[in-house]
Amino acid sequence: MAKTILIATDYSLESLNILKKVLKEKDASEDQMSYNILLVSGYDSGDSIRDLLFNTKTTIFNKIRPAEFCDAYGIIKNKYPHLVHKVICDVFTGSFQRTFNQYVIAEQIEEAYYSTSIKSKGKGKFDLVPYIKKCKDLKSREIVVEIKESLPERGRLAEIFVEV
């Protein structure tokens, strides 16, 4: 049976450092558990009838998730095949704490990891950290991620090979 963990992300390559650190820690502790990893970002779908009817997850992901992000988490997944059962990208579109709590229960999420240095920026994105911190059914932990400003690989796939 695979355990489900949530990683709060903004779909930037920098946010994958959270996933790298979590998997590195679990690998160092010789964890034998397999994990379903949910990479989740908050997304405000708006209140327009047109947006609510015609926006699918695919169109939302085309707006907020770069192609390099998918390649990068695929590389990380291949580095830890014994730990990662599957990786799923998702968006949380609710605006209430109880909606987030129901999302956690429905997805059977047991652990959540986030970094306060990763801020969700961009049209429609919002930060999940307040929801994660207030959820009583969820064991959560902050991962400290240093964001180097002078990184020559910034924004490119090579960024995931930089050690954290």
N, C-alpha and C. Protein backbone atom coordinates (compact mmCIF):
# COMPACT_ATOMS: atom_id res chain seq x y z
N MET A 1 0.85 -1.19 0.00
CA MET A 1 0.00 0.00 0.00
C MET A 1 0.88 1.24 0.00
N ALA A 2 0.59 2.16 -0.86
CA ALA A 2 1.36 3.39 -0.98
C ALA A 2 0.77 4.47 -0.08
N LYS A 3 1.63 5.24 0.52
CA LYS A 3 1.25 6.36 1.36
C LYS A 3 1.20 7.60 0.48
N THR A 4 0.24 8.49 0.69
CA THR A 4 0.09 9.68 -0.14
C THR A 4 0.63 10.90 0.60
N ILE A 5 1.51 11.64 -0.09
CA ILE A 5 2.02 12.88 0.47
C ILE A 5 1.73 14.03 -0.49
N LEU A 6 1.51 15.20 0.09
CA LEU A 6 1.23 16.40 -0.68
C LEU A 6 2.45 17.30 -0.63
N ILE A 7 2.85 17.81 -1.79
CA ILE A 7 3.92 18.80 -1.88
C ILE A 7 3.28 20.07 -2.42
N ALA A 8 3.30 21.15 -1.63
CA ALA A 8 2.77 22.43 -2.09
C ALA A 8 3.75 23.02 -3.08
N THR A 9 3.27 23.36 -4.26
CA THR A 9 4.14 23.84 -5.32
C THR A 9 3.52 25.02 -6.03
N ASP A 10 4.34 25.74 -6.76
CA ASP A 10 3.83 26.78 -7.66
C ASP A 10 4.16 26.41 -9.11
N TYR A 11 4.57 25.17 -9.31
CA TYR A 11 4.96 24.63 -10.61
C TYR A 11 6.17 25.34 -11.21
N SER A 12 7.06 25.80 -10.34
CA SER A 12 8.34 26.30 -10.79
C SER A 12 9.37 25.21 -10.51
N LEU A 13 10.48 25.26 -11.23
CA LEU A 13 11.53 24.26 -10.99
C LEU A 13 12.10 24.39 -9.58
N GLU A 14 12.11 25.61 -9.03
CA GLU A 14 12.59 25.82 -7.67
C GLU A 14 11.79 25.02 -6.66
N SER A 15 10.49 24.91 -6.89
CA SER A 15 9.63 24.21 -5.92
C SER A 15 9.90 22.71 -5.89
N LEU A 16 10.53 22.18 -6.91
CA LEU A 16 10.87 20.75 -6.90
C LEU A 16 11.99 20.44 -5.91
N ASN A 17 12.66 21.48 -5.40
CA ASN A 17 13.66 21.25 -4.36
C ASN A 17 13.02 20.68 -3.10
N ILE A 18 11.77 21.00 -2.87
CA ILE A 18 11.04 20.42 -1.73
C ILE A 18 10.94 18.91 -1.93
N LEU A 19 10.51 18.48 -3.10
CA LEU A 19 10.40 17.06 -3.42
C LEU A 19 11.75 16.37 -3.32
N LYS A 20 12.80 17.00 -3.85
CA LYS A 20 14.14 16.41 -3.78
C LYS A 20 14.59 16.20 -2.34
N LYS A 21 14.36 17.21 -1.48
CA LYS A 21 14.78 17.10 -0.08
C LYS A 21 13.99 16.01 0.65
N VAL A 22 12.69 15.95 0.41
CA VAL A 22 11.85 14.95 1.08
C VAL A 22 12.30 13.54 0.68
N LEU A 23 12.49 13.31 -0.60
CA LEU A 23 12.90 11.98 -1.07
C LEU A 23 14.30 11.64 -0.61
N LYS A 24 15.18 12.63 -0.55
CA LYS A 24 16.54 12.39 -0.07
C LYS A 24 16.53 11.97 1.40
N GLU A 25 15.69 12.64 2.22
CA GLU A 25 15.56 12.29 3.63
C GLU A 25 14.99 10.88 3.80
N LYS A 26 13.96 10.56 3.03
CA LYS A 26 13.34 9.24 3.15
C LYS A 26 14.30 8.15 2.68
N ASP A 27 15.10 8.44 1.66
CA ASP A 27 16.08 7.49 1.17
C ASP A 27 17.19 7.29 2.20
N ALA A 28 17.63 8.36 2.86
CA ALA A 28 18.69 8.28 3.87
C ALA A 28 18.23 7.48 5.09
N SER A 29 16.93 7.56 5.40
CA SER A 29 16.41 6.81 6.54
C SER A 29 16.05 5.38 6.17
N GLU A 30 16.38 4.99 4.93
CA GLU A 30 16.12 3.65 4.41
C GLU A 30 14.65 3.26 4.54
N ASP A 31 13.81 4.20 4.21
CA ASP A 31 12.36 4.01 4.24
C ASP A 31 11.96 3.00 3.16
N GLN A 32 11.20 1.99 3.52
CA GLN A 32 10.77 0.96 2.58
C GLN A 32 9.37 1.22 2.02
N MET A 33 8.74 2.30 2.46
CA MET A 33 7.39 2.65 2.02
C MET A 33 7.43 3.20 0.60
N SER A 34 6.36 2.97 -0.13
CA SER A 34 6.19 3.55 -1.46
C SER A 34 5.23 4.73 -1.33
N TYR A 35 5.46 5.78 -2.12
CA TYR A 35 4.68 7.00 -1.96
C TYR A 35 3.99 7.42 -3.25
N ASN A 36 2.74 7.85 -3.10
CA ASN A 36 2.04 8.57 -4.15
C ASN A 36 2.25 10.04 -3.83
N ILE A 37 2.82 10.78 -4.77
CA ILE A 37 3.16 12.17 -4.51
C ILE A 37 2.19 13.07 -5.28
N LEU A 38 1.50 13.92 -4.54
CA LEU A 38 0.59 14.90 -5.13
C LEU A 38 1.29 16.26 -5.13
N LEU A 39 1.61 16.77 -6.30
CA LEU A 39 2.16 18.12 -6.45
C LEU A 39 0.96 19.04 -6.66
N VAL A 40 0.65 19.86 -5.67
CA VAL A 40 -0.59 20.62 -5.69
C VAL A 40 -0.31 22.12 -5.58
N SER A 41 -1.02 22.87 -6.38
CA SER A 41 -0.97 24.33 -6.34
C SER A 41 -2.39 24.85 -6.15
N GLY A 42 -2.49 25.97 -5.49
CA GLY A 42 -3.79 26.62 -5.37
C GLY A 42 -4.07 27.40 -6.64
N TYR A 43 -5.29 27.31 -7.14
CA TYR A 43 -5.66 28.03 -8.35
C TYR A 43 -7.07 28.59 -8.19
N ASP A 44 -7.18 29.90 -8.37
CA ASP A 44 -8.48 30.55 -8.32
C ASP A 44 -9.08 30.51 -9.72
N SER A 45 -10.10 29.70 -9.89
CA SER A 45 -10.70 29.52 -11.21
C SER A 45 -11.63 30.67 -11.60
N GLY A 46 -11.80 31.61 -10.71
CA GLY A 46 -12.65 32.76 -11.02
C GLY A 46 -14.12 32.46 -10.78
N ASP A 47 -14.94 33.46 -11.07
CA ASP A 47 -16.38 33.26 -10.88
C ASP A 47 -17.16 33.49 -12.16
N SER A 48 -16.48 33.57 -13.27
CA SER A 48 -17.13 33.72 -14.56
C SER A 48 -17.73 32.38 -14.99
N ILE A 49 -18.96 32.41 -15.45
CA ILE A 49 -19.63 31.19 -15.91
C ILE A 49 -18.83 30.54 -17.03
N ARG A 50 -18.33 31.35 -17.94
CA ARG A 50 -17.55 30.84 -19.07
C ARG A 50 -16.30 30.10 -18.57
N ASP A 51 -15.58 30.70 -17.62
CA ASP A 51 -14.38 30.06 -17.08
C ASP A 51 -14.72 28.76 -16.36
N LEU A 52 -15.78 28.77 -15.59
CA LEU A 52 -16.16 27.58 -14.83
C LEU A 52 -16.62 26.44 -15.75
N LEU A 53 -17.26 26.77 -16.85
CA LEU A 53 -17.76 25.75 -17.76
C LEU A 53 -16.68 25.19 -18.69
N PHE A 54 -15.80 26.05 -19.17
CA PHE A 54 -14.91 25.63 -20.23
C PHE A 54 -13.45 25.44 -19.82
N ASN A 55 -13.09 25.75 -18.60
CA ASN A 55 -11.72 25.49 -18.15
C ASN A 55 -11.64 24.08 -17.57
N THR A 56 -10.77 23.28 -18.14
CA THR A 56 -10.51 21.94 -17.61
C THR A 56 -9.16 21.97 -16.92
N LYS A 57 -8.81 20.89 -16.23
CA LYS A 57 -7.50 20.83 -15.61
C LYS A 57 -6.39 20.94 -16.65
N THR A 58 -6.63 20.40 -17.82
CA THR A 58 -5.62 20.47 -18.88
C THR A 58 -5.37 21.92 -19.30
N THR A 59 -6.43 22.70 -19.47
CA THR A 59 -6.22 24.10 -19.86
C THR A 59 -5.58 24.90 -18.73
N ILE A 60 -5.92 24.57 -17.49
CA ILE A 60 -5.29 25.24 -16.35
C ILE A 60 -3.81 24.90 -16.31
N PHE A 61 -3.48 23.61 -16.47
CA PHE A 61 -2.07 23.21 -16.45
C PHE A 61 -1.29 23.83 -17.60
N ASN A 62 -1.92 23.99 -18.75
CA ASN A 62 -1.24 24.64 -19.88
C ASN A 62 -0.90 26.09 -19.55
N LYS A 63 -1.68 26.71 -18.68
CA LYS A 63 -1.42 28.10 -18.28
C LYS A 63 -0.34 28.21 -17.21
N ILE A 64 -0.36 27.29 -16.23
CA ILE A 64 0.48 27.49 -15.04
C ILE A 64 1.68 26.56 -14.93
N ARG A 65 1.74 25.49 -15.71
CA ARG A 65 2.82 24.51 -15.54
C ARG A 65 3.68 24.44 -16.80
N PRO A 66 4.97 24.79 -16.69
CA PRO A 66 5.85 24.69 -17.86
C PRO A 66 6.19 23.23 -18.17
N ALA A 67 6.53 22.96 -19.41
CA ALA A 67 6.87 21.59 -19.83
C ALA A 67 8.12 21.09 -19.11
N GLU A 68 9.05 21.99 -18.79
CA GLU A 68 10.28 21.60 -18.09
C GLU A 68 9.97 21.01 -16.72
N PHE A 69 8.88 21.47 -16.10
CA PHE A 69 8.49 20.97 -14.79
C PHE A 69 8.19 19.47 -14.85
N CYS A 70 7.46 19.04 -15.87
CA CYS A 70 7.12 17.62 -16.02
C CYS A 70 8.36 16.79 -16.26
N ASP A 71 9.26 17.29 -17.10
CA ASP A 71 10.51 16.58 -17.35
C ASP A 71 11.33 16.46 -16.07
N ALA A 72 11.35 17.53 -15.30
CA ALA A 72 12.15 17.56 -14.08
C ALA A 72 11.63 16.59 -13.02
N TYR A 73 10.32 16.57 -12.79
CA TYR A 73 9.84 15.63 -11.77
C TYR A 73 9.96 14.19 -12.27
N GLY A 74 9.95 13.99 -13.58
CA GLY A 74 10.20 12.65 -14.13
C GLY A 74 11.61 12.18 -13.83
N ILE A 75 12.58 13.09 -13.92
CA ILE A 75 13.97 12.75 -13.60
C ILE A 75 14.11 12.42 -12.12
N ILE A 76 13.48 13.23 -11.27
CA ILE A 76 13.54 12.98 -9.83
C ILE A 76 12.88 11.64 -9.50
N LYS A 77 11.75 11.36 -10.14
CA LYS A 77 11.04 10.09 -9.92
C LYS A 77 11.92 8.91 -10.31
N ASN A 78 12.65 9.04 -11.40
CA ASN A 78 13.54 7.96 -11.85
C ASN A 78 14.74 7.77 -10.94
N LYS A 79 15.12 8.81 -10.19
CA LYS A 79 16.25 8.69 -9.26
C LYS A 79 15.86 7.88 -8.03
N TYR A 80 14.59 7.92 -7.65
CA TYR A 80 14.11 7.21 -6.47
C TYR A 80 12.96 6.26 -6.84
N PRO A 81 13.20 5.28 -7.72
CA PRO A 81 12.09 4.41 -8.15
C PRO A 81 11.54 3.54 -7.03
N HIS A 82 12.36 3.27 -6.01
CA HIS A 82 11.91 2.44 -4.89
C HIS A 82 11.01 3.20 -3.92
N LEU A 83 11.05 4.54 -3.97
CA LEU A 83 10.22 5.35 -3.08
C LEU A 83 8.96 5.89 -3.75
N VAL A 84 9.04 6.18 -5.04
CA VAL A 84 7.94 6.85 -5.73
C VAL A 84 7.10 5.84 -6.50
N HIS A 85 5.86 5.71 -6.07
CA HIS A 85 4.91 4.86 -6.79
C HIS A 85 4.37 5.60 -8.00
N LYS A 86 3.86 6.83 -7.75
CA LYS A 86 3.41 7.68 -8.86
C LYS A 86 3.42 9.14 -8.42
N VAL A 87 3.51 10.01 -9.41
CA VAL A 87 3.48 11.46 -9.18
C VAL A 87 2.27 12.01 -9.92
N ILE A 88 1.46 12.79 -9.21
CA ILE A 88 0.26 13.37 -9.79
C ILE A 88 0.30 14.88 -9.58
N CYS A 89 0.05 15.63 -10.64
CA CYS A 89 -0.09 17.08 -10.54
C CYS A 89 -1.57 17.41 -10.39
N ASP A 90 -1.85 18.34 -9.50
CA ASP A 90 -3.24 18.69 -9.26
C ASP A 90 -3.34 20.17 -8.88
N VAL A 91 -4.53 20.69 -8.94
CA VAL A 91 -4.80 22.05 -8.47
C VAL A 91 -5.94 21.99 -7.46
N PHE A 92 -5.80 22.80 -6.43
CA PHE A 92 -6.88 22.95 -5.46
C PHE A 92 -7.57 24.26 -5.78
N THR A 93 -8.87 24.19 -6.06
CA THR A 93 -9.60 25.38 -6.50
C THR A 93 -10.57 25.91 -5.46
N GLY A 94 -10.58 25.32 -4.29
CA GLY A 94 -11.50 25.78 -3.25
C GLY A 94 -11.02 27.05 -2.60
N SER A 95 -11.90 27.64 -1.80
CA SER A 95 -11.51 28.88 -1.11
C SER A 95 -11.84 28.84 0.39
N PHE A 96 -12.20 27.67 0.89
CA PHE A 96 -12.52 27.53 2.30
C PHE A 96 -11.68 26.42 2.92
N GLN A 97 -11.41 26.55 4.21
CA GLN A 97 -10.62 25.56 4.91
C GLN A 97 -11.31 24.20 4.92
N ARG A 98 -12.60 24.18 5.11
CA ARG A 98 -13.31 22.90 5.15
C ARG A 98 -13.25 22.18 3.79
N THR A 99 -13.18 22.94 2.70
CA THR A 99 -13.04 22.34 1.38
C THR A 99 -11.67 21.68 1.25
N PHE A 100 -10.64 22.35 1.76
CA PHE A 100 -9.30 21.76 1.74
C PHE A 100 -9.25 20.52 2.63
N ASN A 101 -9.88 20.57 3.79
CA ASN A 101 -9.91 19.40 4.68
C ASN A 101 -10.58 18.21 3.99
N GLN A 102 -11.66 18.46 3.26
CA GLN A 102 -12.33 17.38 2.52
C GLN A 102 -11.45 16.85 1.39
N TYR A 103 -10.69 17.74 0.75
CA TYR A 103 -9.74 17.33 -0.29
C TYR A 103 -8.69 16.38 0.29
N VAL A 104 -8.18 16.71 1.48
CA VAL A 104 -7.18 15.87 2.15
C VAL A 104 -7.76 14.49 2.46
N ILE A 105 -8.98 14.45 2.95
CA ILE A 105 -9.63 13.18 3.28
C ILE A 105 -9.91 12.37 2.01
N ALA A 106 -10.43 13.03 0.98
CA ALA A 106 -10.77 12.34 -0.26
C ALA A 106 -9.55 11.74 -0.95
N GLU A 107 -8.43 12.46 -0.92
CA GLU A 107 -7.20 11.98 -1.56
C GLU A 107 -6.37 11.10 -0.64
N GLN A 108 -6.81 10.92 0.60
CA GLN A 108 -6.13 10.10 1.60
C GLN A 108 -4.69 10.55 1.82
N ILE A 109 -4.51 11.86 1.94
CA ILE A 109 -3.19 12.45 2.15
C ILE A 109 -2.81 12.33 3.62
N GLU A 110 -1.62 11.81 3.87
CA GLU A 110 -1.17 11.61 5.24
C GLU A 110 -0.13 12.62 5.69
N GLU A 111 0.69 13.10 4.76
CA GLU A 111 1.74 14.06 5.08
C GLU A 111 1.73 15.18 4.06
N ALA A 112 2.17 16.37 4.50
CA ALA A 112 2.29 17.50 3.58
C ALA A 112 3.60 18.21 3.84
N TYR A 113 4.22 18.68 2.78
CA TYR A 113 5.48 19.41 2.87
C TYR A 113 5.34 20.70 2.08
N TYR A 114 5.92 21.75 2.62
CA TYR A 114 5.83 23.06 1.98
C TYR A 114 7.06 23.88 2.32
N SER A 115 7.25 24.96 1.62
CA SER A 115 8.31 25.90 1.91
C SER A 115 7.73 27.31 1.83
N THR A 116 7.99 28.11 2.86
CA THR A 116 7.47 29.47 2.85
C THR A 116 8.28 30.37 1.91
N SER A 117 9.46 29.91 1.48
CA SER A 117 10.25 30.72 0.55
C SER A 117 9.76 30.60 -0.89
N ILE A 118 8.94 29.57 -1.18
CA ILE A 118 8.35 29.41 -2.50
C ILE A 118 6.98 30.09 -2.48
N LYS A 119 6.87 31.19 -3.16
CA LYS A 119 5.61 31.93 -3.20
C LYS A 119 4.92 31.69 -4.53
N SER A 120 3.65 31.38 -4.48
CA SER A 120 2.87 31.18 -5.70
C SER A 120 2.66 32.52 -6.37
N LYS A 121 3.29 32.67 -7.52
CA LYS A 121 3.14 33.91 -8.27
C LYS A 121 2.58 33.58 -9.64
N GLY A 122 1.84 34.48 -10.15
CA GLY A 122 1.25 34.25 -11.45
C GLY A 122 -0.25 34.42 -11.39
N LYS A 123 -0.83 34.52 -12.55
CA LYS A 123 -2.27 34.76 -12.64
C LYS A 123 -3.07 33.57 -12.13
N GLY A 124 -3.89 33.82 -11.14
CA GLY A 124 -4.79 32.79 -10.64
C GLY A 124 -4.22 31.91 -9.55
N LYS A 125 -2.93 31.93 -9.31
CA LYS A 125 -2.34 31.05 -8.29
C LYS A 125 -2.49 31.66 -6.91
N PHE A 126 -2.66 30.79 -5.91
CA PHE A 126 -2.64 31.25 -4.53
C PHE A 126 -1.89 30.23 -3.68
N ASP A 127 -1.45 30.67 -2.52
CA ASP A 127 -0.59 29.90 -1.64
C ASP A 127 -1.42 28.90 -0.82
N LEU A 128 -0.99 27.65 -0.78
CA LEU A 128 -1.68 26.61 -0.01
C LEU A 128 -1.21 26.51 1.44
N VAL A 129 -0.11 27.17 1.78
CA VAL A 129 0.48 27.01 3.11
C VAL A 129 -0.49 27.31 4.24
N PRO A 130 -1.28 28.38 4.20
CA PRO A 130 -2.24 28.60 5.30
C PRO A 130 -3.24 27.46 5.47
N TYR A 131 -3.68 26.88 4.37
CA TYR A 131 -4.62 25.75 4.44
C TYR A 131 -3.94 24.53 5.05
N ILE A 132 -2.71 24.28 4.65
CA ILE A 132 -1.96 23.12 5.17
C ILE A 132 -1.74 23.26 6.66
N LYS A 133 -1.33 24.45 7.11
CA LYS A 133 -1.05 24.67 8.53
C LYS A 133 -2.29 24.49 9.41
N LYS A 134 -3.47 24.86 8.89
CA LYS A 134 -4.70 24.79 9.68
C LYS A 134 -5.38 23.42 9.64
N CYS A 135 -4.95 22.55 8.76
CA CYS A 135 -5.60 21.24 8.62
C CYS A 135 -5.19 20.33 9.77
N LYS A 136 -6.16 19.89 10.53
CA LYS A 136 -5.89 19.04 11.70
C LYS A 136 -5.65 17.58 11.34
N ASP A 137 -6.14 17.14 10.18
CA ASP A 137 -6.01 15.74 9.76
C ASP A 137 -4.70 15.46 9.03
N LEU A 138 -3.81 16.42 9.02
CA LEU A 138 -2.63 16.33 8.18
C LEU A 138 -1.37 16.59 8.99
N LYS A 139 -0.40 15.70 8.84
CA LYS A 139 0.91 15.91 9.46
C LYS A 139 1.73 16.72 8.46
N SER A 140 2.07 17.95 8.82
CA SER A 140 2.78 18.81 7.87
C SER A 140 4.12 19.26 8.43
N ARG A 141 5.02 19.60 7.49
CA ARG A 141 6.35 20.04 7.88
C ARG A 141 6.89 21.02 6.84
N GLU A 142 7.54 22.06 7.35
CA GLU A 142 8.16 23.03 6.45
C GLU A 142 9.55 22.54 6.07
N ILE A 143 9.85 22.63 4.80
CA ILE A 143 11.17 22.29 4.26
C ILE A 143 11.85 23.61 3.91
N VAL A 144 13.04 23.82 4.46
CA VAL A 144 13.78 25.04 4.19
C VAL A 144 14.50 24.88 2.85
N VAL A 145 14.18 25.77 1.93
CA VAL A 145 14.78 25.75 0.60
C VAL A 145 15.46 27.09 0.37
N GLU A 146 16.76 27.04 0.09
CA GLU A 146 17.49 28.27 -0.23
C GLU A 146 17.38 28.52 -1.72
N ILE A 147 16.97 29.72 -2.05
CA ILE A 147 16.86 30.10 -3.46
C ILE A 147 18.04 31.01 -3.79
N LYS A 148 18.93 30.50 -4.61
CA LYS A 148 20.12 31.26 -4.98
C LYS A 148 19.78 32.17 -6.16
N GLU A 149 20.04 33.45 -5.98
CA GLU A 149 19.69 34.43 -7.01
C GLU A 149 20.62 34.36 -8.22
N SER A 150 21.88 33.97 -8.00
CA SER A 150 22.86 34.00 -9.09
C SER A 150 23.05 32.64 -9.76
N LEU A 151 22.04 31.82 -9.74
CA LEU A 151 22.13 30.49 -10.33
C LEU A 151 22.02 30.58 -11.86
N PRO A 152 23.08 30.17 -12.59
CA PRO A 152 23.03 30.30 -14.05
C PRO A 152 22.01 29.38 -14.71
N GLU A 153 21.61 28.31 -14.02
CA GLU A 153 20.65 27.35 -14.58
C GLU A 153 19.21 27.74 -14.31
N ARG A 154 18.97 28.88 -13.65
CA ARG A 154 17.63 29.27 -13.22
C ARG A 154 16.63 29.20 -14.38
N GLY A 155 15.54 28.49 -14.14
CA GLY A 155 14.47 28.40 -15.13
C GLY A 155 14.68 27.35 -16.20
N ARG A 156 15.80 26.64 -16.15
CA ARG A 156 16.07 25.60 -17.14
C ARG A 156 16.12 24.25 -16.45
N LEU A 157 16.00 23.21 -17.23
CA LEU A 157 15.94 21.85 -16.68
C LEU A 157 17.18 21.50 -15.87
N ALA A 158 18.32 22.07 -16.20
CA ALA A 158 19.57 21.79 -15.47
C ALA A 158 19.48 22.20 -14.01
N GLU A 159 18.52 23.05 -13.67
CA GLU A 159 18.38 23.53 -12.29
C GLU A 159 18.11 22.39 -11.31
N ILE A 160 17.47 21.32 -11.74
CA ILE A 160 17.15 20.24 -10.81
C ILE A 160 18.37 19.41 -10.44
N PHE A 161 19.45 19.53 -11.19
CA PHE A 161 20.67 18.78 -10.88
C PHE A 161 21.54 19.48 -9.84
N VAL A 162 21.20 20.72 -9.49
CA VAL A 162 21.92 21.45 -8.46
C VAL A 162 21.55 20.83 -7.13
N GLU A 163 22.57 20.47 -6.34
CA GLU A 163 22.32 19.85 -5.04
C GLU A 163 21.71 20.84 -4.07
N VAL A 164 20.75 20.36 -3.28
CA VAL A 164 20.10 21.19 -2.28
C VAL A 164 20.59 20.82 -0.91
